[in-house]
Amino acid sequence: MLEFLPAEKLKKKFGIFGHFYSIDLGSGEQIECRSVLEIVAKKDIPSPRDLLLGRAADAIFIMMNPGSSLPLEAVNNNILGEQAGDLFASLVSTKPDTTQYQVMRVMAYCGWSHVRVLNLSDLRNPKGGKFVAQYRDIEERTRFTAHSLFSDERKQELQRHLNRRSQSPVVCAWGVSPGLDPLIERCLDKVSGTKGLIGLLKPETENKYFHPLPTLQKAKMKWVDNMVALINSRGNLS
C-alpha cells in the first residue's frame, strides 16, 4: 500500500485556485457556485494565474459538486441565470478541502503538476443529500439547468475546460448516489466518447464511480491505491 501523504506536506507542494460566482435566479433567490478548480504544483504557478485556464492539464477529474470549497480572497462575480452560458472564469486562491487532498495524493504518485477539477454541478453545498435536494428543487421550480457545466447552454465553456495533454485521463469520481442520475446522464451525454475516460466503477453499475472521499480512513487510502494502480495500468502517467 502507498504511503498516505499528510495534508501539511501536500499544502506545501500544491496551490489551489477556483472560479467562484453567484447566480441570481430572480425574486431575490441567489445560489453560490464554483465552476472550475485548478490544482497546480507551486513551482509551476504562472503569472497571472488565470493562464492556468488555458493550459493543457495533466488530468481532468469530474466530481459531484464543489462541496465546502471556499475562496480565500474577496469575490464579487454576480450574474443573472441567463448569463450562465457565457461564463468566463477568473481564478482566486482557494481553501483546500479533504477531497482535494485525495486528488493531490494521486498527483504526487503520478508525477502530475496540474489537475483540473470539474463537477456535475457548480452548486456549493457541503452535504451530499442536501445538495441533491437543492439541485432537484431548483430545476423543478425554475427549469434552470445551467448550474451544470454539462448543460447544453455551457457547451463551449466545457470544451475549454476539457483541454488536457495528449493521452491524459478524464477521471470520473462523482460518487454512487442514485440522486445524481440526471446529472450523470447529462455529463456522459457530453463526454462519453472522450478518449481516456476512466474511474473506479462500482460493481454491477454502468455509471457510478467511487468518490475520492469515502467515510472510513482505510477506504480513503484504498481509493488512492486503486486509482494510482488504474492510471498506471493504462499507461497514463506523464
Protein backbone atom coordinates (compact mmCIF):
# COMPACT_ATOMS: atom_id res chain seq x y z
CA MET A 1 0.00 0.00 0.00
CA LEU A 2 1.22 3.50 -0.84
CA GLU A 3 2.19 5.89 1.93
CA PHE A 4 -0.77 8.15 2.81
CA LEU A 5 0.74 11.61 2.33
CA PRO A 6 -0.32 14.10 5.04
CA ALA A 7 -2.24 17.26 4.19
CA GLU A 8 0.52 19.50 5.57
CA LYS A 9 3.03 18.08 3.11
CA LEU A 10 0.61 18.40 0.19
CA LYS A 11 -0.21 22.03 1.08
CA LYS A 12 3.47 22.91 0.69
CA LYS A 13 3.66 21.25 -2.72
CA PHE A 14 0.44 22.40 -4.43
CA GLY A 15 -1.53 25.61 -4.93
CA ILE A 16 -5.31 25.63 -5.48
CA PHE A 17 -7.32 28.17 -7.45
CA GLY A 18 -11.01 28.30 -8.30
CA HIS A 19 -13.62 30.40 -10.05
CA PHE A 20 -16.42 31.39 -7.67
CA TYR A 21 -19.61 33.14 -8.70
CA SER A 22 -23.23 33.75 -7.68
CA ILE A 23 -26.31 33.28 -9.86
CA ASP A 24 -29.44 35.40 -9.45
CA LEU A 25 -32.41 33.18 -10.25
CA GLY A 26 -34.89 36.03 -9.82
CA SER A 27 -37.18 37.13 -6.97
CA GLY A 28 -34.14 37.62 -4.75
CA GLU A 29 -33.03 33.97 -4.91
CA GLN A 30 -29.27 33.62 -5.25
CA ILE A 31 -27.15 30.46 -5.44
CA GLU A 32 -23.44 30.23 -4.67
CA CYS A 33 -21.31 28.35 -7.19
CA ARG A 34 -17.80 27.35 -8.29
CA SER A 35 -17.20 26.42 -11.91
CA VAL A 36 -13.65 25.08 -12.08
CA LEU A 37 -10.76 24.24 -9.76
CA GLU A 38 -7.09 24.21 -10.77
CA ILE A 39 -4.63 22.26 -8.59
CA VAL A 40 -1.05 23.00 -9.60
CA ALA A 41 2.46 22.42 -8.28
CA LYS A 42 3.61 25.67 -6.66
CA LYS A 43 6.75 25.73 -8.80
CA ASP A 44 4.55 25.81 -11.92
CA ILE A 45 2.03 28.51 -10.98
CA PRO A 46 2.02 31.08 -13.81
CA SER A 47 1.69 34.84 -13.55
CA PRO A 48 -1.06 35.82 -13.98
CA ARG A 49 -2.61 32.66 -12.57
CA ASP A 50 -5.57 32.88 -14.98
CA LEU A 51 -3.15 31.43 -17.56
CA LEU A 52 -3.88 28.08 -15.89
CA LEU A 53 -7.32 28.12 -17.51
CA GLY A 54 -5.82 27.85 -20.98
CA ARG A 55 -3.16 25.34 -20.06
CA ALA A 56 -3.48 21.68 -21.04
CA ALA A 57 -3.86 19.81 -17.75
CA ASP A 58 -2.15 16.52 -16.86
CA ALA A 59 -5.59 15.11 -15.99
CA ILE A 60 -9.22 16.17 -15.56
CA PHE A 61 -11.29 14.98 -12.59
CA ILE A 62 -15.09 15.13 -12.71
CA MET A 63 -16.70 15.03 -9.27
CA MET A 64 -20.12 15.68 -7.76
CA ASN A 65 -20.14 19.32 -6.68
CA PRO A 66 -17.75 21.83 -5.07
CA GLY A 67 -18.78 20.82 -1.54
CA SER A 68 -17.21 23.01 1.13
CA SER A 69 -14.75 24.73 -1.22
CA LEU A 70 -14.18 28.36 -0.18
CA PRO A 71 -12.36 31.31 -1.76
CA LEU A 72 -9.52 32.88 0.25
CA GLU A 73 -9.98 36.24 -1.50
CA ALA A 74 -12.91 38.61 -1.90
CA VAL A 75 -15.14 37.58 -4.82
CA ASN A 76 -17.80 39.69 -6.49
CA ASN A 77 -18.93 37.70 -9.54
CA ASN A 78 -22.70 38.02 -9.67
CA ILE A 79 -24.56 37.01 -12.81
CA LEU A 80 -28.15 36.52 -13.93
CA GLY A 81 -29.30 32.98 -14.68
CA GLU A 82 -29.48 33.62 -18.42
CA GLN A 83 -25.82 34.70 -18.44
CA ALA A 84 -24.56 31.29 -17.28
CA GLY A 85 -23.94 30.18 -20.85
CA ASP A 86 -21.39 32.98 -21.33
CA LEU A 87 -19.36 32.23 -18.21
CA PHE A 88 -15.63 33.04 -18.38
CA ALA A 89 -13.60 32.04 -15.37
CA SER A 90 -11.18 34.12 -13.30
CA LEU A 91 -9.22 32.45 -10.55
CA VAL A 92 -8.74 33.19 -6.84
CA SER A 93 -6.84 31.30 -4.16
CA THR A 94 -8.96 28.57 -2.64
CA LYS A 95 -9.01 26.81 0.73
CA PRO A 96 -8.39 23.10 0.08
CA ASP A 97 -10.80 20.51 1.44
CA THR A 98 -10.27 16.84 2.25
CA THR A 99 -11.44 15.67 -1.19
CA GLN A 100 -8.87 17.88 -2.92
CA TYR A 101 -6.12 16.39 -0.77
CA GLN A 102 -7.08 12.99 -2.15
CA VAL A 103 -6.60 14.32 -5.68
CA MET A 104 -3.22 15.78 -4.65
CA ARG A 105 -2.15 12.36 -3.36
CA VAL A 106 -2.85 10.87 -6.78
CA MET A 107 -0.98 13.78 -8.41
CA ALA A 108 2.06 13.21 -6.20
CA TYR A 109 2.26 9.49 -7.04
CA CYS A 110 1.60 10.03 -10.75
CA GLY A 111 4.12 12.85 -11.09
CA TRP A 112 1.47 15.31 -12.26
CA SER A 113 1.92 19.06 -12.00
CA HIS A 114 -1.58 20.25 -12.93
CA VAL A 115 -5.05 18.75 -12.49
CA ARG A 116 -8.32 20.49 -13.37
CA VAL A 117 -11.41 19.59 -11.33
CA LEU A 118 -14.88 19.91 -12.86
CA ASN A 119 -18.20 18.97 -11.27
CA LEU A 120 -21.58 17.59 -12.27
CA SER A 121 -23.00 20.76 -10.71
CA ASP A 122 -21.42 24.08 -9.68
CA LEU A 123 -23.67 24.39 -6.61
CA ARG A 124 -21.63 24.84 -3.45
CA ASN A 125 -23.22 22.62 -0.81
CA PRO A 126 -21.09 20.54 1.59
CA LYS A 127 -23.80 17.96 2.37
CA GLY A 128 -24.39 15.42 -0.41
CA GLY A 129 -28.03 14.74 0.48
CA LYS A 130 -28.86 18.43 0.80
CA PHE A 131 -27.10 19.13 -2.50
CA VAL A 132 -29.27 16.57 -4.32
CA ALA A 133 -32.41 18.09 -2.80
CA GLN A 134 -31.21 21.59 -3.72
CA TYR A 135 -30.47 20.95 -7.39
CA ARG A 136 -33.71 19.00 -7.84
CA ASP A 137 -35.72 21.78 -6.24
CA ILE A 138 -34.08 24.46 -8.41
CA GLU A 139 -34.62 22.50 -11.62
CA GLU A 140 -38.24 21.61 -10.81
CA ARG A 141 -39.22 25.15 -9.78
CA THR A 142 -37.25 27.24 -12.26
CA ARG A 143 -36.25 24.83 -15.10
CA PHE A 144 -32.73 26.24 -14.63
CA THR A 145 -30.12 23.59 -15.54
CA ALA A 146 -27.08 25.77 -16.31
CA HIS A 147 -25.77 25.26 -12.76
CA SER A 148 -24.21 22.24 -14.50
CA LEU A 149 -21.22 22.68 -16.80
CA PHE A 150 -22.67 19.79 -18.80
CA SER A 151 -25.88 21.62 -19.68
CA ASP A 152 -26.43 22.48 -23.35
CA GLU A 153 -26.03 26.20 -22.60
CA ARG A 154 -22.40 25.73 -21.47
CA LYS A 155 -21.01 23.54 -24.28
CA GLN A 156 -18.28 25.99 -25.30
CA GLU A 157 -17.10 26.50 -21.72
CA LEU A 158 -16.94 22.71 -21.23
CA GLN A 159 -14.72 22.31 -24.29
CA ARG A 160 -12.31 24.95 -22.94
CA HIS A 161 -12.08 23.21 -19.57
CA LEU A 162 -11.51 19.73 -21.07
CA ASN A 163 -8.19 20.93 -22.51
CA ARG A 164 -5.52 18.42 -21.46
CA ARG A 165 -2.30 16.81 -22.63
CA SER A 166 -2.35 14.01 -25.19
CA GLN A 167 -3.14 10.62 -23.61
CA SER A 168 -4.14 12.26 -20.31
CA PRO A 169 -7.11 10.74 -18.46
CA VAL A 170 -10.51 12.18 -17.64
CA VAL A 171 -11.24 10.64 -14.23
CA CYS A 172 -14.89 10.08 -13.29
CA ALA A 173 -15.20 10.29 -9.49
CA TRP A 174 -18.67 11.66 -8.74
CA GLY A 175 -19.91 9.04 -6.30
CA VAL A 176 -22.63 6.42 -6.32
CA SER A 177 -25.79 8.25 -5.18
CA PRO A 178 -28.87 7.44 -7.30
CA GLY A 179 -29.92 11.05 -6.76
CA LEU A 180 -27.19 12.08 -9.19
CA ASP A 181 -28.63 10.12 -12.13
CA PRO A 182 -29.98 13.10 -14.13
CA LEU A 183 -26.67 14.96 -13.73
CA ILE A 184 -24.61 11.87 -14.62
CA GLU A 185 -26.67 11.30 -17.77
CA ARG A 186 -26.15 14.94 -18.78
CA CYS A 187 -22.40 14.61 -18.22
CA LEU A 188 -21.97 11.32 -20.06
CA ASP A 189 -24.01 12.66 -22.96
CA LYS A 190 -21.24 15.24 -23.41
CA VAL A 191 -18.11 13.19 -22.61
CA SER A 192 -18.90 9.51 -23.25
CA GLY A 193 -16.87 9.50 -26.48
CA THR A 194 -13.86 11.14 -24.84
CA LYS A 195 -10.62 9.19 -25.02
CA GLY A 196 -9.05 8.30 -21.69
CA LEU A 197 -12.31 8.26 -19.69
CA ILE A 198 -11.60 6.19 -16.57
CA GLY A 199 -12.77 5.74 -12.99
CA LEU A 200 -13.25 3.24 -10.18
CA LEU A 201 -16.61 1.81 -11.18
CA LYS A 202 -18.90 0.41 -8.51
CA PRO A 203 -19.52 -3.29 -9.28
CA GLU A 204 -22.74 -4.07 -11.16
CA THR A 205 -23.23 -0.44 -12.23
CA GLU A 206 -22.54 1.33 -15.51
CA ASN A 207 -22.08 4.94 -14.40
CA LYS A 208 -21.44 5.05 -10.65
CA TYR A 209 -17.78 5.86 -9.96
CA PHE A 210 -16.45 5.85 -6.42
CA HIS A 211 -15.85 9.29 -4.93
CA PRO A 212 -12.33 10.09 -3.62
CA LEU A 213 -13.57 10.60 -0.06
CA PRO A 214 -15.26 7.52 1.44
CA THR A 215 -16.11 7.68 5.13
CA LEU A 216 -13.51 5.30 6.58
CA GLN A 217 -9.79 6.17 6.66
CA LYS A 218 -8.85 2.72 5.36
CA ALA A 219 -11.20 3.24 2.42
CA LYS A 220 -9.63 6.64 1.67
CA MET A 221 -6.21 5.01 1.49
CA LYS A 222 -7.58 2.20 -0.68
CA TRP A 223 -9.16 4.70 -3.11
CA VAL A 224 -5.76 6.37 -3.67
CA ASP A 225 -4.06 2.98 -4.13
CA ASN A 226 -6.68 1.76 -6.57
CA MET A 227 -6.75 4.98 -8.58
CA VAL A 228 -2.97 5.13 -8.96
CA ALA A 229 -2.94 1.44 -9.98
CA LEU A 230 -5.68 2.08 -12.56
CA ILE A 231 -3.78 5.03 -14.05
CA ASN A 232 -0.54 3.02 -14.14
CA SER A 233 -2.28 0.10 -15.84
CA ARG A 234 -3.49 2.35 -18.66
CA GLY A 235 -0.14 3.97 -19.31
CA ASN A 236 -1.45 7.44 -18.50
CA LEU A 237 1.43 8.54 -16.30
CA SER A 238 3.13 11.69 -17.57
